[in-house]
Amino acid sequence: MADLTLVNLNMLYLRHMDAVERELHVPLGPLYLVSALEQAGLEVDFRDYQRHESDDLFSRESIADFCKDPAPVIGLSCMANLLPFTILAAQELRRRYPDRLIVLGGVGAKSVELEVLRAFPWLDVVAHGECESTVVELVRAHREGRSLDGIRGLAYRRAGDPVKTPPAARVRDLDSLPLPAYHRIDLPAYAGYGMVTSRGCPYPCTFCSVAPVWNHESISRTARGIVAEMKHLHERAGVSLFLFQDEFFVSSKKQVMVFCDELQRSGLKVRWKAFGRVNLTDVETMDAMAASGCVELRYGIESGSARVLERTRKGFAPEQSVQVVADAVRRFPRVDTFFVWGFPFETLEDFHQTLFQMVSFRLMGARVLPSLLCYLPQTAIYEEYRGDPKFSFCPDLIPEYMLTGHEICHPSRIEIDEGHRWLFELVEQHPTIFPGFYHYDLEGNVRPKLEILRQHGFYPSPETPAGSETESCGAHSPRPPEAGTALTAVPPSGANPQGPPADPRREILTRPT
């Protein structure tokens, strides 16, 4: 019998009125853990729920059936949008397998680990931080009947009371880690091939949920290690298009130039996409990236208001964004510009400055992808506003990155499916555990700005015909056009438009959450 059944619940799934969009991408985080466990001589039963077929994928019974006959330890990995579903799935697993140790992993419960244990007694452990060493120690301790005391990176109950240990020490040499366990999945079944070139970001942006996961500290892989992994995937599965998933790929000009040189000298004929940063990319860097196969550069612009950028500690000014995006659209087939709207301190004057920049970038040929601010527990902005009575849950509007697959998506709104209302009842019962589903000042702040964005074509309106071509900033995007192809961008709201079923292996472009 395996020592651990590890289940990946990170997935992209959208339910429309008459179709489902479902996209598969390689589950990197869980596969890193599988490699660490295998290297330690432990047996892992890995299951990727993305690939499960069911009449109702998001029922508690479906996930429990998928986890039939699990190992003594069950690990469930999820992000924030599927945290409610994962918690309720764990309840069904507890009913069926009362003797198993149920561990919640992934970033979904970041900063609310103890609160999760207090609210949901069927969960035994919540893992946090960088977990390659944590998961090995946890599984060994359980197999040997030892206490979890002293294992870093865990929240668990000691004498009935939830306790949380400090995170495990960071891995300083990422090249020392084994590659993700690609041998445990059918690589050709996937089409989204992300790669990790670094872990962590040092910037203190107050709305960011990613940097706090790594305690605002960045550690990068070597160019040689990154290219070696690209070569491995290219030779084994014919992968020719990569997305560097981390938001701090462009950590310095020197590091990017070394990587581009290493990739060109390798002779690999591949394309790749990456996140840039306005204050860290210049023309020489862009030229080197384009020459080595970069076909898409993605920028977190966030706002066109200097006041908002300063308040959110973004680290650059609006005029810098204009120059960098203008330079980028002349060099890459596609340039993505991400904006965040709905900040609680964002005045209408601030918002219109952002809107003007969005329109300008669209005219330049950049793709403009706005998303409603999402208040996850680890963000500084949530900490500032938590407990404010202006927070509310809205059943017809959910931030883009928090769509779960339980909703029915219409062109300009979502509808809570009656068969899945139980999940949203859990969200409403525990607002401090699931704040990412909530809005701040819905009627005074969110809806007026949404209406203005609709008027300018950045979100569909109620009159938008079903099946209209739009693009989602939170979930996916089509492959980049060839150089010289005109770009148009009309991103959707949290309610994605209905459309035909997607190829489930379609290449994915996600912004980390």
Protein backbone atom coordinates (compact mmCIF):
# COMPACT_ATOMS: atom_id res chain seq x y z
CA MET A 1 0.00 0.00 0.00
CA ALA A 2 1.14 3.52 -0.71
CA ASP A 3 2.13 5.77 2.18
CA LEU A 4 0.23 8.79 0.84
CA THR A 5 -2.62 9.42 -1.58
CA LEU A 6 -1.96 12.90 -2.98
CA VAL A 7 -4.84 14.49 -4.89
CA ASN A 8 -4.48 17.54 -7.09
CA LEU A 9 -7.58 19.74 -6.92
CA ASN A 10 -6.09 22.75 -8.70
CA MET A 11 -8.10 23.04 -11.88
CA LEU A 12 -9.72 25.38 -14.37
CA TYR A 13 -13.34 24.60 -15.03
CA LEU A 14 -16.16 26.92 -16.09
CA ARG A 15 -19.79 25.89 -16.37
CA HIS A 16 -21.90 27.77 -18.94
CA MET A 17 -25.60 27.49 -19.69
CA ASP A 18 -25.13 24.75 -22.27
CA ALA A 19 -21.45 23.90 -22.26
CA VAL A 20 -18.41 23.40 -20.08
CA GLU A 21 -14.95 24.86 -20.52
CA ARG A 22 -12.35 22.59 -19.01
CA GLU A 23 -8.62 23.03 -19.41
CA LEU A 24 -5.78 20.83 -18.27
CA HIS A 25 -2.41 22.05 -17.14
CA VAL A 26 0.47 20.21 -15.52
CA PRO A 27 0.08 20.24 -11.69
CA LEU A 28 3.57 21.43 -10.86
CA GLY A 29 3.24 21.93 -7.09
CA PRO A 30 1.95 18.43 -6.30
CA LEU A 31 4.45 16.87 -8.71
CA TYR A 32 7.34 18.54 -6.86
CA LEU A 33 6.03 16.90 -3.68
CA VAL A 34 5.75 13.51 -5.38
CA SER A 35 9.40 13.75 -6.43
CA ALA A 36 10.49 14.66 -2.90
CA LEU A 37 8.58 11.73 -1.44
CA GLU A 38 9.91 9.27 -4.00
CA GLN A 39 13.46 10.49 -3.45
CA ALA A 40 12.93 9.76 0.27
CA GLY A 41 11.89 6.19 -0.53
CA LEU A 42 8.18 6.66 0.18
CA GLU A 43 5.33 5.28 -1.94
CA VAL A 44 2.95 7.86 -3.42
CA ASP A 45 -0.45 7.27 -4.95
CA PHE A 46 -0.86 10.43 -7.07
CA ARG A 47 -4.23 11.33 -8.55
CA ASP A 48 -5.03 14.38 -10.68
CA TYR A 49 -8.69 15.30 -10.34
CA GLN A 50 -8.44 17.48 -13.44
CA ARG A 51 -8.61 14.31 -15.51
CA HIS A 52 -11.58 12.75 -13.76
CA GLU A 53 -14.79 12.29 -15.74
CA SER A 54 -18.11 12.59 -13.94
CA ASP A 55 -21.65 13.75 -14.58
CA ASP A 56 -21.14 16.23 -11.74
CA LEU A 57 -17.44 16.83 -11.20
CA PHE A 58 -18.14 19.18 -8.30
CA SER A 59 -20.11 16.88 -6.04
CA ARG A 60 -18.72 15.56 -2.78
CA GLU A 61 -19.56 12.03 -3.86
CA SER A 62 -17.61 12.38 -7.10
CA ILE A 63 -14.36 13.36 -5.41
CA ALA A 64 -14.85 10.68 -2.74
CA ASP A 65 -15.35 8.04 -5.44
CA PHE A 66 -12.23 9.33 -7.18
CA CYS A 67 -10.30 8.80 -3.92
CA LYS A 68 -11.52 5.22 -3.44
CA ASP A 69 -9.27 3.01 -1.26
CA PRO A 70 -6.78 5.73 -0.31
CA ALA A 71 -3.48 5.33 1.54
CA PRO A 72 -3.30 5.90 5.32
CA VAL A 73 -2.58 9.59 4.65
CA ILE A 74 -4.74 11.59 2.22
CA GLY A 75 -3.33 14.89 0.97
CA LEU A 76 -5.61 17.36 -0.83
CA SER A 77 -3.97 20.25 -2.71
CA CYS A 78 -6.06 23.27 -3.72
CA MET A 79 -5.97 27.01 -4.35
CA ALA A 80 -8.26 29.58 -2.76
CA ASN A 81 -11.11 29.31 -5.27
CA LEU A 82 -11.61 25.60 -4.59
CA LEU A 83 -10.94 25.72 -0.85
CA PRO A 84 -14.67 25.46 0.05
CA PHE A 85 -15.16 22.46 -2.23
CA THR A 86 -12.01 20.77 -0.95
CA ILE A 87 -13.08 21.20 2.67
CA LEU A 88 -16.50 19.67 2.00
CA ALA A 89 -14.93 16.87 -0.04
CA ALA A 90 -12.71 16.13 2.95
CA GLN A 91 -15.84 15.81 5.09
CA GLU A 92 -17.15 13.06 2.81
CA LEU A 93 -13.75 11.35 2.84
CA ARG A 94 -13.80 11.42 6.65
CA ARG A 95 -17.23 9.76 6.63
CA ARG A 96 -16.03 6.99 4.32
CA TYR A 97 -12.54 6.56 5.76
CA PRO A 98 -12.63 7.56 9.44
CA ASP A 99 -9.17 6.09 10.15
CA ARG A 100 -7.25 8.11 7.53
CA LEU A 101 -5.16 11.19 8.30
CA ILE A 102 -6.59 13.98 6.13
CA VAL A 103 -4.14 16.74 5.22
CA LEU A 104 -5.04 19.98 3.45
CA GLY A 105 -2.23 21.40 1.32
CA GLY A 106 -1.63 23.99 -1.38
CA VAL A 107 -2.01 27.73 -0.91
CA GLY A 108 -5.80 27.72 -0.48
CA ALA A 109 -5.75 28.02 3.33
CA LYS A 110 -2.82 30.43 3.53
CA SER A 111 -3.07 32.58 6.70
CA VAL A 112 -6.25 30.90 7.96
CA GLU A 113 -4.82 27.49 8.85
CA LEU A 114 -5.82 27.60 12.51
CA GLU A 115 -9.24 29.01 11.74
CA VAL A 116 -9.83 26.19 9.27
CA LEU A 117 -8.97 23.59 11.91
CA ARG A 118 -11.30 25.22 14.45
CA ALA A 119 -14.20 25.36 12.00
CA PHE A 120 -13.85 21.97 10.31
CA PRO A 121 -13.07 19.13 12.75
CA TRP A 122 -12.85 16.48 10.02
CA LEU A 123 -9.54 17.98 8.81
CA ASP A 124 -6.51 16.72 10.75
CA VAL A 125 -3.63 18.79 9.38
CA VAL A 126 -3.10 21.89 7.25
CA ALA A 127 0.32 22.20 5.61
CA HIS A 128 1.83 25.60 4.87
CA GLY A 129 4.98 27.05 3.36
CA GLU A 130 7.49 25.24 1.16
CA CYS A 131 6.56 21.63 1.80
CA GLU A 132 9.08 19.28 0.15
CA SER A 133 10.71 18.47 3.50
CA THR A 134 7.49 18.89 5.50
CA VAL A 135 5.53 16.25 3.60
CA VAL A 136 8.35 13.71 3.91
CA GLU A 137 8.58 14.19 7.68
CA LEU A 138 4.80 14.11 8.06
CA VAL A 139 4.38 10.83 6.19
CA ARG A 140 7.27 9.19 8.00
CA ALA A 141 5.95 10.27 11.40
CA HIS A 142 2.50 8.89 10.65
CA ARG A 143 3.86 5.61 9.31
CA GLU A 144 5.97 5.16 12.45
CA GLY A 145 3.19 6.24 14.84
CA ARG A 146 5.09 9.31 16.06
CA SER A 147 3.74 12.70 17.11
CA LEU A 148 3.75 15.58 14.62
CA ASP A 149 5.39 17.79 17.26
CA GLY A 150 8.55 19.40 15.95
CA ILE A 151 7.66 19.12 12.25
CA ARG A 152 7.85 22.55 10.68
CA GLY A 153 5.22 23.79 8.24
CA LEU A 154 2.16 22.21 9.85
CA ALA A 155 -1.01 23.28 11.63
CA TYR A 156 -2.63 20.47 13.61
CA ARG A 157 -4.33 19.74 16.92
CA ARG A 158 -2.28 19.16 20.04
CA ALA A 159 -4.42 17.89 22.94
CA GLY A 160 -7.45 19.12 21.02
CA ASP A 161 -6.19 22.68 20.45
CA PRO A 162 -5.01 23.87 17.02
CA VAL A 163 -1.33 24.82 16.91
CA LYS A 164 0.88 26.02 14.08
CA THR A 165 4.60 25.38 13.70
CA PRO A 166 6.97 27.79 11.92
CA PRO A 167 7.37 27.21 8.16
CA ALA A 168 10.12 24.91 6.95
CA ALA A 169 13.43 26.52 6.05
CA ARG A 170 13.44 27.76 2.46
CA VAL A 171 15.19 25.70 -0.19
CA ARG A 172 18.18 27.87 -1.09
CA ASP A 173 19.35 25.84 -4.08
CA LEU A 174 16.31 25.15 -6.23
CA ASP A 175 18.44 23.20 -8.69
CA SER A 176 19.04 20.67 -5.90
CA LEU A 177 15.38 19.67 -6.02
CA PRO A 178 14.45 16.79 -8.31
CA LEU A 179 12.34 17.74 -11.30
CA PRO A 180 8.58 17.48 -10.85
CA ALA A 181 7.46 13.85 -11.18
CA TYR A 182 6.54 14.11 -14.85
CA HIS A 183 6.86 10.32 -15.10
CA ARG A 184 3.70 10.01 -12.97
CA ILE A 185 1.41 11.73 -15.47
CA ASP A 186 0.51 11.32 -19.13
CA LEU A 187 2.26 14.44 -20.38
CA PRO A 188 0.63 14.53 -23.85
CA ALA A 189 -2.79 14.69 -22.17
CA TYR A 190 -1.98 18.21 -21.00
CA ALA A 191 -1.49 21.34 -23.05
CA GLY A 192 -0.60 23.95 -20.42
CA TYR A 193 3.06 23.49 -19.59
CA GLY A 194 4.03 25.90 -16.87
CA MET A 195 7.49 26.07 -15.37
CA VAL A 196 8.87 27.53 -12.17
CA THR A 197 12.01 29.63 -12.61
CA SER A 198 11.92 31.15 -9.14
CA ARG A 199 9.99 30.97 -5.89
CA GLY A 200 8.87 34.19 -4.28
CA CYS A 201 8.77 37.90 -5.01
CA PRO A 202 10.33 40.61 -2.81
CA TYR A 203 7.89 43.39 -3.76
CA PRO A 204 5.37 44.45 -1.07
CA CYS A 205 2.30 45.06 -3.28
CA THR A 206 -0.56 45.23 -0.80
CA PHE A 207 -3.11 43.35 -2.94
CA CYS A 208 -0.80 40.49 -3.94
CA SER A 209 -1.57 37.02 -2.57
CA VAL A 210 1.52 35.33 -4.06
CA ALA A 211 4.48 37.13 -2.44
CA PRO A 212 3.22 36.50 1.13
CA VAL A 213 3.24 32.74 0.49
CA TRP A 214 7.03 33.01 0.21
CA ASN A 215 7.42 35.67 2.89
CA HIS A 216 8.42 38.26 0.27
CA GLU A 217 11.70 36.49 -0.41
CA SER A 218 12.73 35.39 -3.90
CA ILE A 219 15.06 32.51 -4.78
CA SER A 220 15.85 31.79 -8.43
CA ARG A 221 16.92 28.73 -10.34
CA THR A 222 19.98 28.80 -12.57
CA ALA A 223 19.58 29.31 -16.30
CA ARG A 224 21.21 25.93 -16.89
CA GLY A 225 18.66 24.17 -14.66
CA ILE A 226 15.70 25.88 -16.35
CA VAL A 227 16.90 25.03 -19.86
CA ALA A 228 17.63 21.44 -18.84
CA GLU A 229 14.02 21.02 -17.72
CA MET A 230 12.74 22.57 -20.95
CA LYS A 231 14.91 20.13 -22.91
CA HIS A 232 13.57 17.21 -20.86
CA LEU A 233 9.94 18.13 -21.60
CA HIS A 234 10.67 18.88 -25.24
CA GLU A 235 12.38 15.53 -25.83
CA ARG A 236 9.94 13.45 -23.79
CA ALA A 237 6.61 15.00 -24.82
CA GLY A 238 7.35 17.35 -27.69
CA VAL A 239 6.58 20.41 -25.60
CA SER A 240 7.43 23.47 -27.65
CA LEU A 241 5.59 26.23 -25.78
CA PHE A 242 6.30 27.08 -22.14
CA LEU A 243 4.83 29.53 -19.65
CA PHE A 244 7.15 30.68 -16.89
CA GLN A 245 4.51 30.74 -14.21
CA ASP A 246 6.28 32.76 -11.52
CA GLU A 247 5.76 36.50 -11.37
CA PHE A 248 9.44 37.25 -10.75
CA PHE A 249 11.03 35.75 -13.86
CA VAL A 250 12.45 39.17 -14.66
CA SER A 251 14.25 39.53 -11.35
CA SER A 252 17.21 41.35 -12.89
CA LYS A 253 18.46 42.27 -16.32
CA LYS A 254 21.59 40.18 -15.90
CA GLN A 255 19.64 37.05 -14.96
CA VAL A 256 17.34 37.36 -17.95
CA MET A 257 20.24 37.93 -20.35
CA VAL A 258 22.07 34.86 -19.02
CA PHE A 259 18.96 32.73 -19.47
CA CYS A 260 18.34 33.97 -23.02
CA ASP A 261 21.95 33.22 -23.94
CA GLU A 262 21.78 29.74 -22.38
CA LEU A 263 18.56 28.93 -24.24
CA GLN A 264 19.93 30.08 -27.59
CA ARG A 265 23.17 28.14 -27.13
CA SER A 266 21.18 24.99 -26.30
CA GLY A 267 19.75 24.90 -29.82
CA LEU A 268 16.21 24.22 -28.51
CA LYS A 269 13.59 25.44 -30.96
CA VAL A 270 10.88 26.40 -28.50
CA ARG A 271 8.65 29.35 -27.67
CA TRP A 272 7.99 30.74 -24.26
CA LYS A 273 5.98 33.31 -22.32
CA ALA A 274 6.78 35.13 -19.14
CA PHE A 275 5.69 37.77 -16.69
CA GLY A 276 7.69 40.98 -16.79
CA ARG A 277 7.88 43.90 -14.41
CA VAL A 278 7.62 47.49 -15.60
CA ASN A 279 10.60 48.78 -13.62
CA LEU A 280 12.87 45.83 -14.46
CA THR A 281 12.62 45.47 -18.24
CA ASP A 282 14.25 47.68 -20.83
CA VAL A 283 14.62 47.53 -24.61
CA GLU A 284 17.83 45.49 -24.53
CA THR A 285 16.21 42.91 -22.24
CA MET A 286 13.14 42.68 -24.47
CA ASP A 287 15.27 42.24 -27.59
CA ALA A 288 17.16 39.36 -25.98
CA MET A 289 13.90 37.73 -24.87
CA ALA A 290 12.34 38.02 -28.33
CA ALA A 291 15.45 36.66 -30.01
CA SER A 292 15.42 33.58 -27.80
CA GLY A 293 11.80 32.69 -28.51
CA CYS A 294 9.66 34.76 -26.15
CA VAL A 295 6.31 35.30 -27.88
CA GLU A 296 4.37 36.87 -25.06
CA LEU A 297 5.29 39.27 -22.27
CA ARG A 298 2.81 39.95 -19.49
CA TYR A 299 2.78 42.99 -17.21
CA GLY A 300 0.94 43.66 -13.98
CA ILE A 301 0.08 47.32 -14.59
CA GLU A 302 -2.71 47.34 -11.97
CA SER A 303 -3.64 51.04 -12.14
CA GLY A 304 -3.21 54.21 -14.17
CA SER A 305 -3.44 56.33 -11.04
CA ALA A 306 -0.19 57.41 -9.40
CA ARG A 307 -2.02 57.68 -6.09
CA VAL A 308 -3.31 54.10 -6.26
CA LEU A 309 0.08 52.74 -7.32
CA GLU A 310 1.72 54.51 -4.40
CA ARG A 311 -0.97 53.36 -1.96
CA THR A 312 -0.59 49.75 -3.10
CA ARG A 313 3.24 49.97 -3.01
CA LYS A 314 3.56 48.82 -6.60
CA GLY A 315 6.98 50.35 -7.12
CA PHE A 316 6.62 52.32 -10.36
CA ALA A 317 4.70 55.26 -11.84
CA PRO A 318 2.02 55.27 -14.58
CA GLU A 319 4.28 57.00 -17.10
CA GLN A 320 6.80 54.15 -16.81
CA SER A 321 4.08 51.69 -17.79
CA VAL A 322 3.22 53.66 -20.93
CA GLN A 323 6.81 53.64 -22.21
CA VAL A 324 7.47 49.98 -21.40
CA VAL A 325 4.24 48.74 -22.99
CA ALA A 326 4.90 50.88 -26.09
CA ASP A 327 8.34 49.27 -26.41
CA ALA A 328 6.98 45.76 -25.81
CA VAL A 329 4.19 45.81 -28.43
CA ARG A 330 6.82 46.55 -31.09
CA ARG A 331 8.76 43.40 -30.15
CA PHE A 332 6.34 40.65 -29.17
CA PRO A 333 3.36 39.08 -30.96
CA ARG A 334 1.35 39.58 -27.78
CA VAL A 335 1.65 41.82 -24.76
CA ASP A 336 -0.75 41.30 -21.86
CA THR A 337 -1.49 44.15 -19.47
CA PHE A 338 -3.27 43.21 -16.25
CA PHE A 339 -5.26 45.79 -14.31
CA VAL A 340 -6.94 45.55 -10.91
CA TRP A 341 -10.00 47.66 -10.20
CA GLY A 342 -12.31 48.15 -7.24
CA PHE A 343 -9.78 49.18 -4.60
CA PRO A 344 -11.70 50.52 -1.59
CA PHE A 345 -9.70 53.76 -1.67
CA GLU A 346 -9.92 54.16 -5.47
CA THR A 347 -11.87 57.32 -6.23
CA LEU A 348 -13.71 57.76 -9.50
CA GLU A 349 -10.94 60.12 -10.57
CA ASP A 350 -8.38 57.37 -9.91
CA PHE A 351 -10.57 54.89 -11.74
CA HIS A 352 -10.93 57.10 -14.80
CA GLN A 353 -7.15 57.54 -14.95
CA THR A 354 -6.90 53.76 -15.03
CA LEU A 355 -9.62 53.52 -17.66
CA PHE A 356 -7.78 56.06 -19.85
CA GLN A 357 -4.61 53.97 -19.66
CA MET A 358 -6.52 50.79 -20.46
CA VAL A 359 -8.04 52.37 -23.56
CA SER A 360 -4.61 53.70 -24.59
CA PHE A 361 -2.99 50.29 -24.28
CA ARG A 362 -5.78 48.69 -26.27
CA LEU A 363 -5.17 51.21 -29.06
CA MET A 364 -1.45 50.39 -28.94
CA GLY A 365 -2.25 46.74 -29.62
CA ALA A 366 -1.74 45.33 -26.12
CA ARG A 367 -4.28 42.97 -24.66
CA VAL A 368 -6.00 44.59 -21.69
CA LEU A 369 -7.16 42.25 -18.91
CA PRO A 370 -8.93 43.86 -15.95
CA SER A 371 -9.92 41.91 -12.87
CA LEU A 372 -11.91 42.83 -9.80
CA LEU A 373 -9.83 43.12 -6.62
CA CYS A 374 -9.77 39.87 -4.66
CA TYR A 375 -9.29 40.03 -0.88
CA LEU A 376 -7.41 36.89 0.12
CA PRO A 377 -6.50 36.47 3.81
CA GLN A 378 -2.74 36.79 3.34
CA THR A 379 -2.91 40.17 1.57
CA ALA A 380 -2.03 43.39 3.33
CA ILE A 381 -5.09 45.11 1.89
CA TYR A 382 -7.42 42.54 3.45
CA GLU A 383 -5.66 42.89 6.78
CA GLU A 384 -6.27 46.63 6.59
CA TYR A 385 -9.99 46.32 5.87
CA ARG A 386 -10.97 43.03 7.52
CA GLY A 387 -14.00 43.28 9.76
CA ASP A 388 -15.37 46.26 7.86
CA PRO A 389 -19.17 45.98 7.58
CA LYS A 390 -18.98 47.02 3.93
CA PHE A 391 -17.81 43.52 2.97
CA SER A 392 -20.61 41.45 1.43
CA PHE A 393 -21.17 38.35 -0.66
CA CYS A 394 -22.92 38.82 -4.00
CA PRO A 395 -24.47 35.74 -5.65
CA ASP A 396 -24.34 37.17 -9.18
CA LEU A 397 -20.79 38.54 -9.13
CA ILE A 398 -17.62 36.78 -8.02
CA PRO A 399 -14.05 38.01 -8.63
CA GLU A 400 -12.50 36.38 -11.70
CA TYR A 401 -9.88 34.38 -9.81
CA MET A 402 -12.45 32.91 -7.42
CA LEU A 403 -14.76 31.21 -9.91
CA THR A 404 -15.12 27.61 -8.77
CA GLY A 405 -16.96 25.73 -11.51
CA HIS A 406 -20.12 25.40 -9.42
CA GLU A 407 -21.58 28.56 -10.93
CA ILE A 408 -23.51 28.85 -14.18
CA CYS A 409 -21.88 31.60 -16.22
CA HIS A 410 -24.00 33.95 -18.32
CA PRO A 411 -22.51 36.68 -20.53
CA SER A 412 -22.75 39.43 -17.89
CA ARG A 413 -23.45 37.64 -14.62
CA ILE A 414 -23.23 34.35 -12.81
CA GLU A 415 -26.02 32.25 -11.40
CA ILE A 416 -25.73 30.04 -8.35
CA ASP A 417 -26.82 26.59 -9.44
CA GLU A 418 -29.38 25.29 -6.94
CA GLY A 419 -27.67 21.92 -6.91
CA HIS A 420 -24.46 23.55 -5.68
CA ARG A 421 -25.88 26.17 -3.33
CA TRP A 422 -24.44 24.20 -0.42
CA LEU A 423 -20.96 25.35 -1.33
CA PHE A 424 -21.85 29.05 -1.28
CA GLU A 425 -23.73 28.61 1.97
CA LEU A 426 -20.41 27.50 3.45
CA VAL A 427 -18.75 30.62 2.02
CA GLU A 428 -21.38 32.85 3.63
CA GLN A 429 -21.11 31.05 6.96
CA HIS A 430 -17.35 31.65 7.17
CA PRO A 431 -16.53 35.08 5.68
CA THR A 432 -13.14 35.34 7.40
CA ILE A 433 -11.99 32.01 5.96
CA PHE A 434 -13.26 32.74 2.43
CA PRO A 435 -12.97 36.54 2.02
CA GLY A 436 -11.84 36.21 -1.60
CA PHE A 437 -15.47 35.63 -2.57
CA TYR A 438 -16.55 38.93 -0.99
CA HIS A 439 -16.78 42.51 -2.26
CA TYR A 440 -16.09 45.79 -0.54
CA ASP A 441 -18.92 48.34 -0.89
CA LEU A 442 -20.74 46.52 -3.68
CA GLU A 443 -23.23 49.27 -4.52
CA GLY A 444 -21.00 52.29 -3.93
CA ASN A 445 -17.69 50.99 -5.26
CA VAL A 446 -17.98 47.85 -7.40
CA ARG A 447 -21.15 48.08 -9.47
CA PRO A 448 -20.68 51.71 -10.65
CA LYS A 449 -17.15 50.93 -11.88
CA LEU A 450 -18.28 47.70 -13.52
CA GLU A 451 -20.93 49.59 -15.46
CA ILE A 452 -18.31 52.07 -16.76
CA LEU A 453 -16.05 49.21 -17.85
CA ARG A 454 -18.98 47.64 -19.69
CA GLN A 455 -19.66 50.91 -21.50
CA HIS A 456 -16.08 50.85 -22.81
CA GLY A 457 -16.21 47.22 -23.91
CA PHE A 458 -13.97 45.70 -21.24
CA TYR A 459 -16.79 43.57 -19.82
CA PRO A 460 -19.89 42.21 -21.55
CA SER A 461 -23.16 43.97 -20.87
CA PRO A 462 -26.57 42.30 -20.41
CA GLU A 463 -27.14 42.98 -24.12
CA THR A 464 -24.00 41.07 -25.18
CA PRO A 465 -25.07 38.13 -27.37
CA ALA A 466 -24.40 34.69 -25.96
CA GLY A 467 -21.36 33.11 -27.56
CA SER A 468 -19.59 36.41 -28.27
CA GLU A 469 -15.81 36.18 -28.44
CA THR A 470 -14.28 37.48 -25.23
CA GLU A 471 -11.14 36.71 -23.23
CA SER A 472 -10.74 35.80 -19.60
CA CYS A 473 -7.99 37.35 -17.54
CA GLY A 474 -8.30 34.91 -14.68
CA ALA A 475 -8.56 31.56 -16.38
CA HIS A 476 -7.22 31.19 -19.88
CA SER A 477 -6.41 32.74 -23.21
CA PRO A 478 -5.92 31.42 -26.75
CA ARG A 479 -2.53 30.85 -28.24
CA PRO A 480 -0.70 34.02 -29.22
CA PRO A 481 -1.17 35.28 -32.76
CA GLU A 482 1.64 35.32 -35.24
CA ALA A 483 3.72 38.46 -35.45
CA GLY A 484 1.90 41.25 -37.21
CA THR A 485 -1.59 39.96 -36.42
CA ALA A 486 -3.89 42.68 -35.15
CA LEU A 487 -4.95 42.29 -31.54
CA THR A 488 -8.32 43.10 -30.06
CA ALA A 489 -9.26 42.60 -26.45
CA VAL A 490 -12.65 42.57 -24.81
CA PRO A 491 -12.09 40.76 -21.50
CA PRO A 492 -15.10 39.39 -19.67
CA SER A 493 -16.28 39.92 -16.15
CA GLY A 494 -16.30 37.40 -13.35
CA ALA A 495 -19.14 35.89 -15.33
CA ASN A 496 -17.47 34.39 -18.37
CA PRO A 497 -19.50 34.27 -21.58
CA GLN A 498 -21.10 31.16 -22.85
CA GLY A 499 -19.36 29.51 -25.74
CA PRO A 500 -18.67 26.16 -27.35
CA PRO A 501 -16.87 23.48 -25.37
CA ALA A 502 -13.14 24.09 -25.28
CA ASP A 503 -10.51 21.58 -26.22
CA PRO A 504 -9.69 20.25 -22.72
CA ARG A 505 -5.99 20.18 -23.58
CA ARG A 506 -5.88 23.80 -24.78
CA GLU A 507 -2.79 25.70 -23.70
CA ILE A 508 -3.40 27.82 -20.62
CA LEU A 509 -2.18 31.21 -19.53
CA THR A 510 -2.93 31.74 -15.87
CA ARG A 511 -1.88 34.58 -13.68
CA PRO A 512 -0.72 33.11 -10.34
CA THR A 513 -3.12 33.75 -7.46
